Amino acid sequence: MKETINKDLILRERLALQRTILANQTTFLAFVRTAMYFSVAGLSTRNLLKIENSLLIEISFYFLSFIILTLGILNYFKHKKLISQNEKHVGDYKIDYYEQ
């Protein structure tokens, strides 16, 4: 009996891995976009709102922006590490059946 490796299966795994990498990057960019929205909200708070605590609201928006950006960076690198750890398993398996 001869053991064969299904190259189409390896290709599918590699493509799935690339999609996962792109999804991780997209998620990171979504975190960055949300952080930018909060920082823009902080910038415009003092100019648009004529209330007493506008400085406090502005600082809270900046703080939330920083927290969201930090969480996005941590999330990106955590998942990037997990993806790279699983990348070594692509194509490293034995087929359950043999050609006869």
N, C-alpha and C. Protein backbone atom coordinates (compact mmCIF):
# COMPACT_ATOMS: atom_id res chain seq x y z
N MET A 1 0.83 -1.19 0.00
CA MET A 1 0.00 0.00 0.00
C MET A 1 0.87 1.25 0.00
N LYS A 2 0.39 2.24 -0.68
CA LYS A 2 1.15 3.47 -0.82
C LYS A 2 0.40 4.61 -0.13
N GLU A 3 1.12 5.35 0.71
CA GLU A 3 0.50 6.46 1.42
C GLU A 3 0.60 7.71 0.56
N THR A 4 -0.51 8.42 0.38
CA THR A 4 -0.51 9.64 -0.41
C THR A 4 -1.04 10.80 0.42
N ILE A 5 -0.61 11.98 0.03
CA ILE A 5 -1.10 13.20 0.68
C ILE A 5 -1.97 13.93 -0.32
N ASN A 6 -3.14 14.29 0.10
CA ASN A 6 -4.07 15.00 -0.76
C ASN A 6 -3.64 16.47 -0.83
N LYS A 7 -3.07 16.89 -1.94
CA LYS A 7 -2.56 18.25 -2.08
C LYS A 7 -3.68 19.28 -2.09
N ASP A 8 -4.88 18.90 -2.54
CA ASP A 8 -6.00 19.83 -2.50
C ASP A 8 -6.38 20.16 -1.07
N LEU A 9 -6.26 19.18 -0.19
CA LEU A 9 -6.57 19.41 1.22
C LEU A 9 -5.56 20.36 1.84
N ILE A 10 -4.29 20.22 1.50
CA ILE A 10 -3.27 21.12 2.02
C ILE A 10 -3.51 22.54 1.50
N LEU A 11 -3.87 22.66 0.22
CA LEU A 11 -4.17 23.97 -0.35
C LEU A 11 -5.34 24.62 0.37
N ARG A 12 -6.39 23.85 0.64
CA ARG A 12 -7.54 24.39 1.37
C ARG A 12 -7.15 24.86 2.76
N GLU A 13 -6.29 24.09 3.41
CA GLU A 13 -5.84 24.49 4.74
C GLU A 13 -5.03 25.78 4.68
N ARG A 14 -4.18 25.90 3.69
CA ARG A 14 -3.37 27.13 3.55
C ARG A 14 -4.26 28.33 3.24
N LEU A 15 -5.26 28.14 2.38
CA LEU A 15 -6.18 29.23 2.08
C LEU A 15 -7.01 29.61 3.30
N ALA A 16 -7.42 28.63 4.07
CA ALA A 16 -8.16 28.91 5.29
C ALA A 16 -7.28 29.68 6.28
N LEU A 17 -6.02 29.33 6.33
CA LEU A 17 -5.08 30.04 7.19
C LEU A 17 -4.91 31.49 6.75
N GLN A 18 -4.83 31.71 5.45
CA GLN A 18 -4.73 33.08 4.94
C GLN A 18 -5.99 33.88 5.25
N ARG A 19 -7.15 33.25 5.14
CA ARG A 19 -8.40 33.94 5.49
C ARG A 19 -8.42 34.30 6.97
N THR A 20 -7.90 33.41 7.80
CA THR A 20 -7.85 33.68 9.24
C THR A 20 -6.92 34.84 9.54
N ILE A 21 -5.79 34.91 8.85
CA ILE A 21 -4.86 36.03 9.04
C ILE A 21 -5.52 37.33 8.62
N LEU A 22 -6.20 37.33 7.49
CA LEU A 22 -6.89 38.53 7.03
C LEU A 22 -8.02 38.94 7.96
N ALA A 23 -8.72 37.97 8.53
CA ALA A 23 -9.78 38.28 9.49
C ALA A 23 -9.19 38.91 10.75
N ASN A 24 -8.03 38.44 11.17
CA ASN A 24 -7.36 39.03 12.33
C ASN A 24 -6.98 40.47 12.05
N GLN A 25 -6.46 40.74 10.85
CA GLN A 25 -6.09 42.10 10.49
C GLN A 25 -7.32 43.01 10.40
N THR A 26 -8.41 42.48 9.86
CA THR A 26 -9.64 43.25 9.76
C THR A 26 -10.18 43.60 11.13
N THR A 27 -10.10 42.66 12.05
CA THR A 27 -10.56 42.91 13.41
C THR A 27 -9.71 43.99 14.07
N PHE A 28 -8.40 43.94 13.85
CA PHE A 28 -7.52 44.97 14.40
C PHE A 28 -7.87 46.34 13.84
N LEU A 29 -8.12 46.41 12.54
CA LEU A 29 -8.49 47.69 11.94
C LEU A 29 -9.83 48.19 12.47
N ALA A 30 -10.74 47.30 12.80
CA ALA A 30 -12.01 47.71 13.40
C ALA A 30 -11.79 48.31 14.78
N PHE A 31 -10.86 47.73 15.55
CA PHE A 31 -10.52 48.31 16.85
C PHE A 31 -9.92 49.71 16.67
N VAL A 32 -9.03 49.86 15.70
CA VAL A 32 -8.41 51.16 15.45
C VAL A 32 -9.46 52.18 15.03
N ARG A 33 -10.38 51.77 14.15
CA ARG A 33 -11.44 52.67 13.70
C ARG A 33 -12.31 53.13 14.87
N THR A 34 -12.67 52.20 15.76
CA THR A 34 -13.49 52.55 16.90
C THR A 34 -12.75 53.48 17.85
N ALA A 35 -11.46 53.24 18.04
CA ALA A 35 -10.66 54.12 18.89
C ALA A 35 -10.58 55.52 18.28
N MET A 36 -10.47 55.60 16.97
CA MET A 36 -10.44 56.90 16.30
C MET A 36 -11.77 57.63 16.46
N TYR A 37 -12.88 56.91 16.39
CA TYR A 37 -14.19 57.54 16.60
C TYR A 37 -14.27 58.16 18.00
N PHE A 38 -13.79 57.42 18.99
CA PHE A 38 -13.84 57.95 20.35
C PHE A 38 -12.92 59.15 20.51
N SER A 39 -11.76 59.13 19.86
CA SER A 39 -10.87 60.28 19.98
C SER A 39 -11.44 61.50 19.25
N VAL A 40 -12.11 61.31 18.13
CA VAL A 40 -12.77 62.42 17.43
C VAL A 40 -13.92 62.95 18.28
N ALA A 41 -14.63 62.05 18.94
CA ALA A 41 -15.69 62.49 19.85
C ALA A 41 -15.11 63.33 20.99
N GLY A 42 -13.94 62.93 21.47
CA GLY A 42 -13.28 63.72 22.51
C GLY A 42 -12.85 65.09 22.01
N LEU A 43 -12.36 65.14 20.79
CA LEU A 43 -11.94 66.41 20.21
C LEU A 43 -13.11 67.37 20.02
N SER A 44 -14.24 66.84 19.60
CA SER A 44 -15.37 67.70 19.28
C SER A 44 -16.29 67.99 20.46
N THR A 45 -16.06 67.35 21.58
CA THR A 45 -16.95 67.53 22.73
C THR A 45 -16.94 68.96 23.25
N ARG A 46 -15.76 69.50 23.43
CA ARG A 46 -15.67 70.84 24.01
C ARG A 46 -16.23 71.90 23.05
N ASN A 47 -16.07 71.68 21.76
CA ASN A 47 -16.55 72.67 20.79
C ASN A 47 -18.05 72.61 20.57
N LEU A 48 -18.61 71.41 20.64
CA LEU A 48 -20.03 71.26 20.34
C LEU A 48 -20.93 71.39 21.57
N LEU A 49 -20.47 70.87 22.69
CA LEU A 49 -21.29 70.89 23.90
C LEU A 49 -20.88 72.06 24.78
N LYS A 50 -21.82 72.86 25.12
CA LYS A 50 -21.55 73.98 26.02
C LYS A 50 -22.12 73.62 27.41
N ILE A 51 -21.49 72.61 28.03
CA ILE A 51 -21.92 72.20 29.37
C ILE A 51 -20.75 72.34 30.32
N GLU A 52 -21.05 72.21 31.60
CA GLU A 52 -20.05 72.42 32.64
C GLU A 52 -18.92 71.41 32.60
N ASN A 53 -19.24 70.15 32.46
CA ASN A 53 -18.25 69.08 32.58
C ASN A 53 -17.75 68.59 31.22
N SER A 54 -17.63 69.48 30.27
CA SER A 54 -17.19 69.05 28.95
C SER A 54 -15.75 68.56 28.97
N LEU A 55 -14.92 69.12 29.82
CA LEU A 55 -13.54 68.65 29.93
C LEU A 55 -13.49 67.22 30.48
N LEU A 56 -14.34 66.93 31.45
CA LEU A 56 -14.41 65.57 32.01
C LEU A 56 -14.89 64.57 30.95
N ILE A 57 -15.87 64.95 30.18
CA ILE A 57 -16.38 64.08 29.12
C ILE A 57 -15.30 63.88 28.05
N GLU A 58 -14.60 64.95 27.71
CA GLU A 58 -13.53 64.87 26.72
C GLU A 58 -12.42 63.92 27.17
N ILE A 59 -12.02 64.02 28.42
CA ILE A 59 -10.99 63.14 28.96
C ILE A 59 -11.47 61.69 28.99
N SER A 60 -12.74 61.49 29.33
CA SER A 60 -13.26 60.11 29.36
C SER A 60 -13.28 59.50 27.96
N PHE A 61 -13.61 60.31 26.93
CA PHE A 61 -13.55 59.80 25.55
C PHE A 61 -12.12 59.43 25.16
N TYR A 62 -11.15 60.27 25.53
CA TYR A 62 -9.75 59.95 25.23
C TYR A 62 -9.31 58.68 25.95
N PHE A 63 -9.73 58.55 27.19
CA PHE A 63 -9.38 57.36 27.97
C PHE A 63 -9.97 56.10 27.34
N LEU A 64 -11.25 56.18 26.95
CA LEU A 64 -11.88 55.02 26.29
C LEU A 64 -11.20 54.71 24.97
N SER A 65 -10.80 55.72 24.24
CA SER A 65 -10.09 55.52 22.99
C SER A 65 -8.77 54.78 23.22
N PHE A 66 -8.05 55.19 24.24
CA PHE A 66 -6.78 54.53 24.57
C PHE A 66 -7.00 53.08 24.99
N ILE A 67 -8.02 52.83 25.80
CA ILE A 67 -8.33 51.46 26.26
C ILE A 67 -8.70 50.57 25.07
N ILE A 68 -9.54 51.07 24.18
CA ILE A 68 -9.97 50.29 23.02
C ILE A 68 -8.78 49.98 22.11
N LEU A 69 -7.91 50.98 21.90
CA LEU A 69 -6.74 50.76 21.06
C LEU A 69 -5.79 49.74 21.70
N THR A 70 -5.61 49.83 23.01
CA THR A 70 -4.75 48.87 23.71
C THR A 70 -5.32 47.45 23.62
N LEU A 71 -6.62 47.32 23.83
CA LEU A 71 -7.25 46.00 23.72
C LEU A 71 -7.13 45.44 22.30
N GLY A 72 -7.27 46.31 21.30
CA GLY A 72 -7.13 45.87 19.92
C GLY A 72 -5.73 45.37 19.61
N ILE A 73 -4.72 46.08 20.10
CA ILE A 73 -3.34 45.65 19.87
C ILE A 73 -3.06 44.33 20.57
N LEU A 74 -3.50 44.21 21.82
CA LEU A 74 -3.29 42.95 22.55
C LEU A 74 -4.01 41.79 21.88
N ASN A 75 -5.25 42.03 21.43
CA ASN A 75 -6.03 40.99 20.76
C ASN A 75 -5.35 40.56 19.46
N TYR A 76 -4.83 41.53 18.70
CA TYR A 76 -4.16 41.22 17.44
C TYR A 76 -2.95 40.32 17.65
N PHE A 77 -2.08 40.70 18.59
CA PHE A 77 -0.86 39.92 18.78
C PHE A 77 -1.14 38.56 19.43
N LYS A 78 -2.17 38.49 20.28
CA LYS A 78 -2.54 37.19 20.86
C LYS A 78 -2.99 36.22 19.78
N HIS A 79 -3.87 36.69 18.89
CA HIS A 79 -4.35 35.82 17.83
C HIS A 79 -3.29 35.55 16.77
N LYS A 80 -2.41 36.51 16.54
CA LYS A 80 -1.32 36.28 15.60
C LYS A 80 -0.41 35.17 16.09
N LYS A 81 -0.16 35.12 17.39
CA LYS A 81 0.66 34.06 17.98
C LYS A 81 -0.04 32.71 17.85
N LEU A 82 -1.35 32.68 18.13
CA LEU A 82 -2.10 31.43 18.01
C LEU A 82 -2.12 30.93 16.56
N ILE A 83 -2.27 31.84 15.62
CA ILE A 83 -2.29 31.46 14.21
C ILE A 83 -0.94 30.88 13.79
N SER A 84 0.13 31.54 14.22
CA SER A 84 1.46 31.04 13.83
C SER A 84 1.77 29.70 14.49
N GLN A 85 1.24 29.45 15.68
CA GLN A 85 1.44 28.15 16.33
C GLN A 85 0.69 27.05 15.59
N ASN A 86 -0.47 27.37 15.06
CA ASN A 86 -1.26 26.36 14.34
C ASN A 86 -0.82 26.20 12.90
N GLU A 87 -0.04 27.14 12.37
CA GLU A 87 0.40 27.06 10.98
C GLU A 87 1.31 25.86 10.75
N LYS A 88 2.05 25.45 11.77
CA LYS A 88 2.96 24.32 11.59
C LYS A 88 2.22 22.99 11.40
N HIS A 89 0.93 22.96 11.70
CA HIS A 89 0.16 21.73 11.56
C HIS A 89 -0.42 21.55 10.15
N VAL A 90 -0.31 22.56 9.31
CA VAL A 90 -0.87 22.46 7.97
C VAL A 90 -0.08 21.43 7.17
N GLY A 91 -0.76 20.44 6.68
CA GLY A 91 -0.13 19.40 5.88
C GLY A 91 0.65 18.38 6.69
N ASP A 92 0.67 18.51 7.99
CA ASP A 92 1.43 17.59 8.83
C ASP A 92 0.48 16.58 9.47
N TYR A 93 -0.04 15.71 8.66
CA TYR A 93 -0.97 14.69 9.13
C TYR A 93 -0.88 13.49 8.20
N LYS A 94 -1.48 12.42 8.61
CA LYS A 94 -1.51 11.23 7.75
C LYS A 94 -2.94 11.01 7.29
N ILE A 95 -3.09 10.61 6.06
CA ILE A 95 -4.40 10.31 5.50
C ILE A 95 -4.91 9.03 6.15
N ASP A 96 -6.21 9.02 6.46
CA ASP A 96 -6.82 7.86 7.11
C ASP A 96 -6.96 6.66 6.18
N TYR A 97 -6.85 6.90 4.93
CA TYR A 97 -7.02 5.79 3.98
C TYR A 97 -5.83 5.75 3.03
N TYR A 98 -5.61 4.62 2.46
CA TYR A 98 -4.51 4.41 1.51
C TYR A 98 -5.10 4.01 0.17
N GLU A 99 -4.41 4.44 -0.89
CA GLU A 99 -4.84 4.00 -2.22
C GLU A 99 -4.41 2.55 -2.42
N GLN A 100 -5.22 1.81 -3.07
CA GLN A 100 -4.88 0.41 -3.32
C GLN A 100 -4.58 0.17 -4.75
